[in-house]
Protein backbone atom coordinates (compact mmCIF):
# COMPACT_ATOMS: atom_id res chain seq x y z
CA MET A 1 18.46 -8.18 -38.96
CA MET A 2 16.49 -8.68 -42.20
CA CYS A 3 14.46 -11.78 -41.26
CA GLU A 4 10.65 -11.74 -41.44
CA PHE A 5 10.54 -13.69 -38.18
CA ASN A 6 11.58 -10.44 -36.47
CA ASP A 7 10.57 -11.57 -33.00
CA HIS A 8 13.54 -10.85 -30.75
CA LEU A 9 11.62 -11.46 -27.58
CA LYS A 10 10.83 -15.04 -28.92
CA LEU A 11 14.58 -15.51 -29.62
CA GLU A 12 15.62 -14.36 -26.28
CA SER A 13 13.00 -16.46 -24.54
CA TYR A 14 14.39 -19.50 -26.47
CA HIS A 15 18.00 -18.53 -25.38
CA ASP A 16 16.66 -18.17 -21.84
CA ARG A 17 14.93 -21.68 -21.98
CA GLN A 18 11.50 -20.11 -21.15
CA LEU A 19 9.54 -21.38 -24.20
CA ASP A 20 7.27 -24.40 -23.99
CA ALA A 21 8.02 -27.45 -26.30
CA ALA A 22 5.91 -26.16 -29.26
CA GLY A 23 7.62 -22.57 -29.06
CA ARG A 24 11.14 -24.23 -28.89
CA ASP A 25 10.34 -26.40 -31.99
CA ALA A 26 9.01 -23.34 -33.94
CA VAL A 27 12.31 -21.39 -33.18
CA GLU A 28 14.50 -24.31 -34.01
CA ARG A 29 12.78 -24.71 -37.28
CA HIS A 30 13.25 -21.16 -38.05
CA LEU A 31 16.85 -21.27 -36.92
CA ALA A 32 17.65 -24.04 -39.27
CA GLY A 33 16.86 -21.89 -42.32
CA CYS A 34 17.67 -18.33 -41.17
CA GLY A 35 21.20 -17.21 -40.71
CA ASP A 36 20.45 -13.84 -39.36
CA CYS A 37 18.66 -15.22 -36.32
CA ALA A 38 21.21 -17.91 -35.86
CA ALA A 39 23.85 -15.14 -35.67
CA GLU A 40 21.80 -13.13 -33.11
CA LEU A 41 21.38 -16.26 -31.06
CA ALA A 42 25.02 -16.93 -31.18
CA GLU A 43 25.64 -13.27 -30.15
CA LEU A 44 23.23 -13.72 -27.28
CA GLN A 45 25.15 -17.07 -26.21
CA ASN A 46 28.50 -15.08 -26.34
CA ILE A 47 27.28 -12.27 -24.13
CA SER A 48 25.89 -14.80 -21.54
CA GLN A 49 29.30 -16.56 -21.50
CA MET A 50 31.23 -13.31 -21.10
CA PHE A 51 29.06 -12.59 -18.05
CA ALA A 52 29.42 -15.97 -16.62
CA GLU A 53 33.26 -15.64 -16.80
CA ILE A 54 33.33 -12.46 -14.98
CA PRO A 55 34.53 -13.10 -11.37
CA THR A 56 32.19 -12.34 -8.52
CA PRO A 57 33.66 -9.63 -6.22
CA ARG A 58 33.86 -10.60 -2.56
CA LEU A 59 33.53 -8.24 0.42
CA SER A 60 35.66 -8.45 3.44
CA GLN A 61 34.37 -9.17 6.66
CA ILE A 62 34.68 -5.57 7.82
CA ALA A 63 32.77 -4.32 4.74
CA LEU A 64 29.98 -6.88 5.38
CA TYR A 65 29.83 -5.87 8.97
CA ARG A 66 29.51 -1.99 7.96
CA LEU A 67 26.95 -3.05 5.31
CA HIS A 68 24.72 -5.03 7.76
CA SER A 69 25.15 -2.24 10.52
CA ASN A 70 24.17 0.46 8.13
CA LEU A 71 21.14 -1.60 6.91
CA ASP A 72 20.03 -2.18 10.52
CA LEU A 73 20.37 1.51 11.30
CA LEU A 74 18.26 2.39 8.00
CA THR A 75 15.65 -0.13 9.05
CA ASP A 76 15.25 1.05 12.52
CA ARG A 77 15.05 4.67 11.20
CA GLY A 78 12.25 3.62 8.87
CA LEU A 79 10.35 1.76 11.63
CA LEU A 80 10.67 4.80 14.02
CA ARG A 81 9.39 7.11 11.18
CA LEU A 82 6.57 4.81 10.65
CA ALA A 83 5.71 4.80 14.33
CA ARG A 84 5.81 8.50 14.58
CA VAL A 85 3.33 8.79 11.63
CA MET A 86 0.98 6.30 13.06
CA THR A 87 1.07 7.85 16.53
CA GLY A 88 0.27 11.26 14.86
CA LEU A 89 -2.59 9.76 13.07
CA ALA A 90 -4.02 8.00 16.22
CA ALA A 91 -3.60 11.26 18.08
CA SER A 92 -5.58 13.11 15.28
CA VAL A 93 -8.26 10.43 15.51
CA LEU A 94 -8.49 10.64 19.14
CA LEU A 95 -8.78 14.50 19.06
CA LEU A 96 -11.28 14.60 16.24
CA GLY A 97 -13.35 11.95 17.97
CA SER A 98 -13.25 13.77 21.34
CA LEU A 99 -14.49 17.05 19.46
CA TRP A 100 -17.24 15.25 17.85
CA LEU A 101 -18.51 13.62 21.00
CA MET A 102 -18.39 17.18 22.79
CA ARG A 103 -20.29 18.90 20.11
CA PRO A 104 -23.81 20.32 21.17
CA HIS A 105 -26.54 18.14 20.86
CA PRO A 106 -29.71 19.52 19.21
CA VAL A 107 -32.81 19.67 21.23
CA ALA A 108 -35.94 18.01 20.04
CA VAL A 109 -38.78 20.64 19.52
CA PRO A 110 -42.49 19.46 19.30
CA ALA A 111 -44.08 20.40 16.05
CA ASN A 112 -46.65 22.62 17.49
CA THR A 113 -44.23 24.80 19.55
CA SER A 114 -43.53 28.42 18.72
CA LEU A 115 -40.06 29.50 18.53
CA ALA A 116 -40.58 32.32 21.00
CA LEU A 117 -41.29 29.81 23.78
CA LEU A 118 -38.30 27.71 22.83
CA PRO A 119 -35.68 28.97 25.45
CA LEU A 120 -38.18 28.63 28.12
CA GLN A 121 -39.08 25.10 27.30
CA VAL A 122 -35.29 24.23 26.91
CA GLU A 123 -34.84 25.62 30.46
CA GLU A 124 -37.91 23.65 31.75
CA GLN A 125 -36.44 20.48 30.13
CA SER A 126 -33.05 20.95 31.88
CA LEU A 127 -34.64 21.59 35.17
CA ALA A 128 -36.95 18.77 34.89
CA SER A 129 -34.03 16.54 33.92
CA ALA A 130 -32.11 17.66 36.99
CA ASP A 131 -34.83 16.46 39.16
CA SER A 132 -35.27 13.17 37.63
CA SER A 133 -33.22 10.01 38.11
CA PRO A 134 -30.43 8.88 35.57
CA SER A 135 -32.54 6.08 34.29
CA ASP A 136 -35.57 8.55 33.38
CA TRP A 137 -32.85 10.82 31.61
CA MET A 138 -31.70 7.72 29.59
CA VAL A 139 -35.02 6.74 28.59
CA SER A 140 -36.06 10.29 27.60
CA GLU A 141 -32.74 10.70 25.61
CA LEU A 142 -32.99 7.42 23.92
CA SER A 143 -36.66 8.10 22.97
CA ASN A 144 -35.68 11.36 21.15
């Protein structure tokens, strides 16, 4: 095509009736004076006509049944695969959450305590907490 218009997409959009009124008018004015673009539009129209005349193949009832049953089978397999993946992720989250909750908790050490006395104080704290009631234990843990 030797035209300076050289906008194939606009010509195809005109053929497919996708242009607004101003765009259609501009292309129609151009087509009136350009034989190359008019020939290309005629070629597009011929190709569209050929596709419209091709008969649409029809599937038999047995082929439709087979197609639908295979589609249902593939859909079920996809859903089962998704369920397996989601179950694995949920189990991983549960396992990691349980491990995180079971990790050893750090013991609060007062600033003026020497490290040599630390095991003795930890043992005293655990003995003291064994004698106290659960409400005392909650208060002391929440205050740390």
